Amino acid sequence: MPTIRVEMIEGRTPEQKKALAQALTQAVVATLGSKPEAVDVLMFDVPRGDWATGGVLWSEKT
């Protein structure tokens, strides 16, 4: 059973998350031959203050 973990900065809509889950599931089915019902997608929303790129917190970016 493939499990995909997605970590992203918070703020995506439920519709965007649904579309992402569907697209990732379809990609796993097409690539690995898994059944859709065997693919798990876990999504984790990370607050902007808990994510940094290049040493800069996303909460400090304009």
PDB file of N, CA and C in Angstrom:
ATOM      1  N   MET A   1       0.838  -1.165   0.000  1.00  0.00           N
ATOM      2  CA  MET A   1       0.000   0.000   0.000  1.00  0.00           C
ATOM      3  C   MET A   1       0.888   1.235   0.000  1.00  0.00           C
ATOM      4  N   PRO A   2       0.978   1.977  -1.088  1.00  0.00           N
ATOM      5  CA  PRO A   2       1.766   3.209  -1.106  1.00  0.00           C
ATOM      6  C   PRO A   2       1.130   4.287  -0.226  1.00  0.00           C
ATOM      7  N   THR A   3       1.968   4.966   0.534  1.00  0.00           N
ATOM      8  CA  THR A   3       1.534   6.095   1.340  1.00  0.00           C
ATOM      9  C   THR A   3       2.375   7.297   0.947  1.00  0.00           C
ATOM     10  N   ILE A   4       1.695   8.371   0.607  1.00  0.00           N
ATOM     11  CA  ILE A   4       2.370   9.603   0.205  1.00  0.00           C
ATOM     12  C   ILE A   4       2.141  10.634   1.291  1.00  0.00           C
ATOM     13  N   ARG A   5       3.220  11.226   1.773  1.00  0.00           N
ATOM     14  CA  ARG A   5       3.136  12.262   2.806  1.00  0.00           C
ATOM     15  C   ARG A   5       3.435  13.601   2.139  1.00  0.00           C
ATOM     16  N   VAL A   6       2.516  14.546   2.298  1.00  0.00           N
ATOM     17  CA  VAL A   6       2.666  15.870   1.704  1.00  0.00           C
ATOM     18  C   VAL A   6       2.691  16.890   2.831  1.00  0.00           C
ATOM     19  N   GLU A   7       3.773  17.649   2.901  1.00  0.00           N
ATOM     20  CA  GLU A   7       3.865  18.740   3.867  1.00  0.00           C
ATOM     21  C   GLU A   7       3.887  20.039   3.075  1.00  0.00           C
ATOM     22  N   MET A   8       3.017  20.967   3.460  1.00  0.00           N
ATOM     23  CA  MET A   8       2.926  22.226   2.733  1.00  0.00           C
ATOM     24  C   MET A   8       2.516  23.331   3.684  1.00  0.00           C
ATOM     25  N   ILE A   9       2.862  24.540   3.296  1.00  0.00           N
ATOM     26  CA  ILE A   9       2.473  25.689   4.107  1.00  0.00           C
ATOM     27  C   ILE A   9       0.953  25.786   4.098  1.00  0.00           C
ATOM     28  N   GLU A  10       0.398  26.032   5.262  1.00  0.00           N
ATOM     29  CA  GLU A  10      -1.056  26.098   5.406  1.00  0.00           C
ATOM     30  C   GLU A  10      -1.666  27.141   4.478  1.00  0.00           C
ATOM     31  N   GLY A  11      -2.951  26.939   4.157  1.00  0.00           N
ATOM     32  CA  GLY A  11      -3.663  27.923   3.359  1.00  0.00           C
ATOM     33  C   GLY A  11      -4.357  27.362   2.131  1.00  0.00           C
ATOM     34  N   ARG A  12      -4.144  26.070   1.842  1.00  0.00           N
ATOM     35  CA  ARG A  12      -4.819  25.488   0.676  1.00  0.00           C
ATOM     36  C   ARG A  12      -6.278  25.212   1.023  1.00  0.00           C
ATOM     37  N   THR A  13      -7.137  25.316   0.033  1.00  0.00           N
ATOM     38  CA  THR A  13      -8.562  25.059   0.239  1.00  0.00           C
ATOM     39  C   THR A  13      -8.823  23.550   0.236  1.00  0.00           C
ATOM     40  N   PRO A  14      -9.963  23.136   0.811  1.00  0.00           N
ATOM     41  CA  PRO A  14     -10.316  21.720   0.737  1.00  0.00           C
ATOM     42  C   PRO A  14     -10.398  21.221  -0.708  1.00  0.00           C
ATOM     43  N   GLU A  15     -10.847  22.079  -1.614  1.00  0.00           N
ATOM     44  CA  GLU A  15     -10.945  21.688  -3.025  1.00  0.00           C
ATOM     45  C   GLU A  15      -9.557  21.431  -3.619  1.00  0.00           C
ATOM     46  N   GLN A  16      -8.590  22.278  -3.264  1.00  0.00           N
ATOM     47  CA  GLN A  16      -7.219  22.090  -3.754  1.00  0.00           C
ATOM     48  C   GLN A  16      -6.627  20.797  -3.201  1.00  0.00           C
ATOM     49  N   LYS A  17      -6.880  20.527  -1.942  1.00  0.00           N
ATOM     50  CA  LYS A  17      -6.366  19.299  -1.329  1.00  0.00           C
ATOM     51  C   LYS A  17      -6.996  18.064  -1.976  1.00  0.00           C
ATOM     52  N   LYS A  18      -8.272  18.136  -2.245  1.00  0.00           N
ATOM     53  CA  LYS A  18      -8.963  17.020  -2.902  1.00  0.00           C
ATOM     54  C   LYS A  18      -8.366  16.770  -4.280  1.00  0.00           C
ATOM     55  N   ALA A  19      -8.152  17.842  -5.040  1.00  0.00           N
ATOM     56  CA  ALA A  19      -7.578  17.707  -6.384  1.00  0.00           C
ATOM     57  C   ALA A  19      -6.169  17.131  -6.313  1.00  0.00           C
ATOM     58  N   LEU A  20      -5.381  17.560  -5.328  1.00  0.00           N
ATOM     59  CA  LEU A  20      -4.030  17.038  -5.169  1.00  0.00           C
ATOM     60  C   LEU A  20      -4.070  15.554  -4.832  1.00  0.00           C
ATOM     61  N   ALA A  21      -4.931  15.170  -3.906  1.00  0.00           N
ATOM     62  CA  ALA A  21      -5.053  13.757  -3.532  1.00  0.00           C
ATOM     63  C   ALA A  21      -5.440  12.906  -4.736  1.00  0.00           C
ATOM     64  N   GLN A  22      -6.361  13.397  -5.548  1.00  0.00           N
ATOM     65  CA  GLN A  22      -6.775  12.654  -6.743  1.00  0.00           C
ATOM     66  C   GLN A  22      -5.640  12.539  -7.748  1.00  0.00           C
ATOM     67  N   ALA A  23      -4.915  13.625  -7.970  1.00  0.00           N
ATOM     68  CA  ALA A  23      -3.815  13.607  -8.931  1.00  0.00           C
ATOM     69  C   ALA A  23      -2.687  12.684  -8.472  1.00  0.00           C
ATOM     70  N   LEU A  24      -2.339  12.752  -7.198  1.00  0.00           N
ATOM     71  CA  LEU A  24      -1.285  11.878  -6.679  1.00  0.00           C
ATOM     72  C   LEU A  24      -1.698  10.414  -6.757  1.00  0.00           C
ATOM     73  N   THR A  25      -2.946  10.143  -6.424  1.00  0.00           N
ATOM     74  CA  THR A  25      -3.445   8.771  -6.505  1.00  0.00           C
ATOM     75  C   THR A  25      -3.387   8.258  -7.931  1.00  0.00           C
ATOM     76  N   GLN A  26      -3.830   9.066  -8.876  1.00  0.00           N
ATOM     77  CA  GLN A  26      -3.790   8.658 -10.287  1.00  0.00           C
ATOM     78  C   GLN A  26      -2.363   8.404 -10.742  1.00  0.00           C
ATOM     79  N   ALA A  27      -1.421   9.224 -10.302  1.00  0.00           N
ATOM     80  CA  ALA A  27      -0.019   9.043 -10.684  1.00  0.00           C
ATOM     81  C   ALA A  27       0.534   7.731 -10.137  1.00  0.00           C
ATOM     82  N   VAL A  28       0.194   7.397  -8.905  1.00  0.00           N
ATOM     83  CA  VAL A  28       0.668   6.134  -8.317  1.00  0.00           C
ATOM     84  C   VAL A  28       0.046   4.947  -9.037  1.00  0.00           C
ATOM     85  N   VAL A  29      -1.224   5.028  -9.336  1.00  0.00           N
ATOM     86  CA  VAL A  29      -1.895   3.943 -10.064  1.00  0.00           C
ATOM     87  C   VAL A  29      -1.241   3.737 -11.425  1.00  0.00           C
ATOM     88  N   ALA A  30      -1.002   4.828 -12.153  1.00  0.00           N
ATOM     89  CA  ALA A  30      -0.413   4.734 -13.492  1.00  0.00           C
ATOM     90  C   ALA A  30       1.038   4.264 -13.451  1.00  0.00           C
ATOM     91  N   THR A  31       1.774   4.663 -12.428  1.00  0.00           N
ATOM     92  CA  THR A  31       3.201   4.363 -12.362  1.00  0.00           C
ATOM     93  C   THR A  31       3.498   3.011 -11.718  1.00  0.00           C
ATOM     94  N   LEU A  32       2.794   2.717 -10.622  1.00  0.00           N
ATOM     95  CA  LEU A  32       3.093   1.510  -9.860  1.00  0.00           C
ATOM     96  C   LEU A  32       2.094   0.378 -10.064  1.00  0.00           C
ATOM     97  N   GLY A  33       0.973   0.699 -10.693  1.00  0.00           N
ATOM     98  CA  GLY A  33      -0.044  -0.325 -10.919  1.00  0.00           C
ATOM     99  C   GLY A  33      -0.857  -0.656  -9.680  1.00  0.00           C
ATOM    100  N   SER A  34      -0.829   0.223  -8.687  1.00  0.00           N
ATOM    101  CA  SER A  34      -1.609   0.026  -7.470  1.00  0.00           C
ATOM    102  C   SER A  34      -3.089   0.257  -7.748  1.00  0.00           C
ATOM    103  N   LYS A  35      -3.921  -0.279  -6.889  1.00  0.00           N
ATOM    104  CA  LYS A  35      -5.344   0.027  -6.956  1.00  0.00           C
ATOM    105  C   LYS A  35      -5.565   1.350  -6.221  1.00  0.00           C
ATOM    106  N   PRO A  36      -6.467   2.189  -6.715  1.00  0.00           N
ATOM    107  CA  PRO A  36      -6.695   3.490  -6.072  1.00  0.00           C
ATOM    108  C   PRO A  36      -7.014   3.377  -4.584  1.00  0.00           C
ATOM    109  N   GLU A  37      -7.783   2.369  -4.219  1.00  0.00           N
ATOM    110  CA  GLU A  37      -8.180   2.226  -2.819  1.00  0.00           C
ATOM    111  C   GLU A  37      -7.022   1.799  -1.911  1.00  0.00           C
ATOM    112  N   ALA A  38      -5.877   1.483  -2.499  1.00  0.00           N
ATOM    113  CA  ALA A  38      -4.702   1.097  -1.716  1.00  0.00           C
ATOM    114  C   ALA A  38      -3.739   2.255  -1.507  1.00  0.00           C
ATOM    115  N   VAL A  39      -4.037   3.409  -2.104  1.00  0.00           N
ATOM    116  CA  VAL A  39      -3.136   4.562  -2.029  1.00  0.00           C
ATOM    117  C   VAL A  39      -3.612   5.520  -0.933  1.00  0.00           C
ATOM    118  N   ASP A  40      -2.733   5.798   0.006  1.00  0.00           N
ATOM    119  CA  ASP A  40      -3.041   6.764   1.061  1.00  0.00           C
ATOM    120  C   ASP A  40      -2.260   8.045   0.806  1.00  0.00           C
ATOM    121  N   VAL A  41      -2.937   9.183   0.989  1.00  0.00           N
ATOM    122  CA  VAL A  41      -2.287  10.491   0.885  1.00  0.00           C
ATOM    123  C   VAL A  41      -2.513  11.199   2.218  1.00  0.00           C
ATOM    124  N   LEU A  42      -1.405  11.515   2.894  1.00  0.00           N
ATOM    125  CA  LEU A  42      -1.470  12.224   4.165  1.00  0.00           C
ATOM    126  C   LEU A  42      -1.009  13.651   3.938  1.00  0.00           C
ATOM    127  N   MET A  43      -1.814  14.612   4.367  1.00  0.00           N
ATOM    128  CA  MET A  43      -1.477  16.023   4.169  1.00  0.00           C
ATOM    129  C   MET A  43      -1.280  16.703   5.511  1.00  0.00           C
ATOM    130  N   PHE A  44      -0.188  17.428   5.612  1.00  0.00           N
ATOM    131  CA  PHE A  44       0.142  18.136   6.836  1.00  0.00           C
ATOM    132  C   PHE A  44       0.309  19.617   6.524  1.00  0.00           C
ATOM    133  N   ASP A  45      -0.519  20.440   7.156  1.00  0.00           N
ATOM    134  CA  ASP A  45      -0.420  21.887   7.006  1.00  0.00           C
ATOM    135  C   ASP A  45       0.580  22.413   8.037  1.00  0.00           C
ATOM    136  N   VAL A  46       1.561  23.134   7.564  1.00  0.00           N
ATOM    137  CA  VAL A  46       2.594  23.688   8.434  1.00  0.00           C
ATOM    138  C   VAL A  46       2.390  25.205   8.518  1.00  0.00           C
ATOM    139  N   PRO A  47       2.293  25.742   9.725  1.00  0.00           N
ATOM    140  CA  PRO A  47       2.154  27.195   9.852  1.00  0.00           C
ATOM    141  C   PRO A  47       3.365  27.915   9.243  1.00  0.00           C
ATOM    142  N   ARG A  48       3.125  29.076   8.670  1.00  0.00           N
ATOM    143  CA  ARG A  48       4.186  29.850   8.003  1.00  0.00           C
ATOM    144  C   ARG A  48       5.353  30.151   8.948  1.00  0.00           C
ATOM    145  N   GLY A  49       5.069  30.280  10.231  1.00  0.00           N
ATOM    146  CA  GLY A  49       6.111  30.560  11.198  1.00  0.00           C
ATOM    147  C   GLY A  49       6.966  29.357  11.555  1.00  0.00           C
ATOM    148  N   ASP A  50       6.547  28.169  11.088  1.00  0.00           N
ATOM    149  CA  ASP A  50       7.288  26.939  11.365  1.00  0.00           C
ATOM    150  C   ASP A  50       8.020  26.421  10.132  1.00  0.00           C
ATOM    151  N   TRP A  51       8.109  27.217   9.081  1.00  0.00           N
ATOM    152  CA  TRP A  51       8.754  26.805   7.832  1.00  0.00           C
ATOM    153  C   TRP A  51       9.724  27.905   7.412  1.00  0.00           C
ATOM    154  N   ALA A  52      10.947  27.510   7.133  1.00  0.00           N
ATOM    155  CA  ALA A  52      11.947  28.480   6.685  1.00  0.00           C
ATOM    156  C   ALA A  52      12.615  27.977   5.414  1.00  0.00           C
ATOM    157  N   THR A  53      12.898  28.882   4.523  1.00  0.00           N
ATOM    158  CA  THR A  53      13.646  28.591   3.311  1.00  0.00           C
ATOM    159  C   THR A  53      14.774  29.598   3.229  1.00  0.00           C
ATOM    160  N   GLY A  54      15.978  29.099   3.040  1.00  0.00           N
ATOM    161  CA  GLY A  54      17.125  29.992   2.979  1.00  0.00           C
ATOM    162  C   GLY A  54      17.362  30.755   4.271  1.00  0.00           C
ATOM    163  N   GLY A  55      16.937  30.160   5.381  1.00  0.00           N
ATOM    164  CA  GLY A  55      17.136  30.800   6.674  1.00  0.00           C
ATOM    165  C   GLY A  55      16.103  31.848   7.027  1.00  0.00           C
ATOM    166  N   VAL A  56      15.088  32.010   6.196  1.00  0.00           N
ATOM    167  CA  VAL A  56      14.058  33.021   6.431  1.00  0.00           C
ATOM    168  C   VAL A  56      12.716  32.335   6.643  1.00  0.00           C
ATOM    169  N   LEU A  57      12.057  32.668   7.760  1.00  0.00           N
ATOM    170  CA  LEU A  57      10.730  32.119   8.013  1.00  0.00           C
ATOM    171  C   LEU A  57       9.748  32.655   6.971  1.00  0.00           C
ATOM    172  N   TRP A  58       8.836  31.796   6.542  1.00  0.00           N
ATOM    173  CA  TRP A  58       7.837  32.226   5.570  1.00  0.00           C
ATOM    174  C   TRP A  58       6.909  33.298   6.163  1.00  0.00           C
ATOM    175  N   SER A  59       6.767  33.292   7.475  1.00  0.00           N
ATOM    176  CA  SER A  59       5.934  34.323   8.117  1.00  0.00           C
ATOM    177  C   SER A  59       6.565  35.712   8.029  1.00  0.00           C
ATOM    178  N   GLU A  60       7.868  35.753   7.737  1.00  0.00           N
ATOM    179  CA  GLU A  60       8.561  37.039   7.619  1.00  0.00           C
ATOM    180  C   GLU A  60       8.680  37.520   6.172  1.00  0.00           C
ATOM    181  N   LYS A  61       8.270  36.671   5.234  1.00  0.00           N
ATOM    182  CA  LYS A  61       8.341  37.060   3.820  1.00  0.00           C
ATOM    183  C   LYS A  61       7.115  37.902   3.477  1.00  0.00           C
ATOM    184  N   THR A  62       7.314  38.854   2.565  1.00  0.00           N
ATOM    185  CA  THR A  62       6.194  39.718   2.180  1.00  0.00           C
ATOM    186  C   THR A  62       5.596  39.265   0.883  1.00  0.00           C
TER     187      THR A  62
END
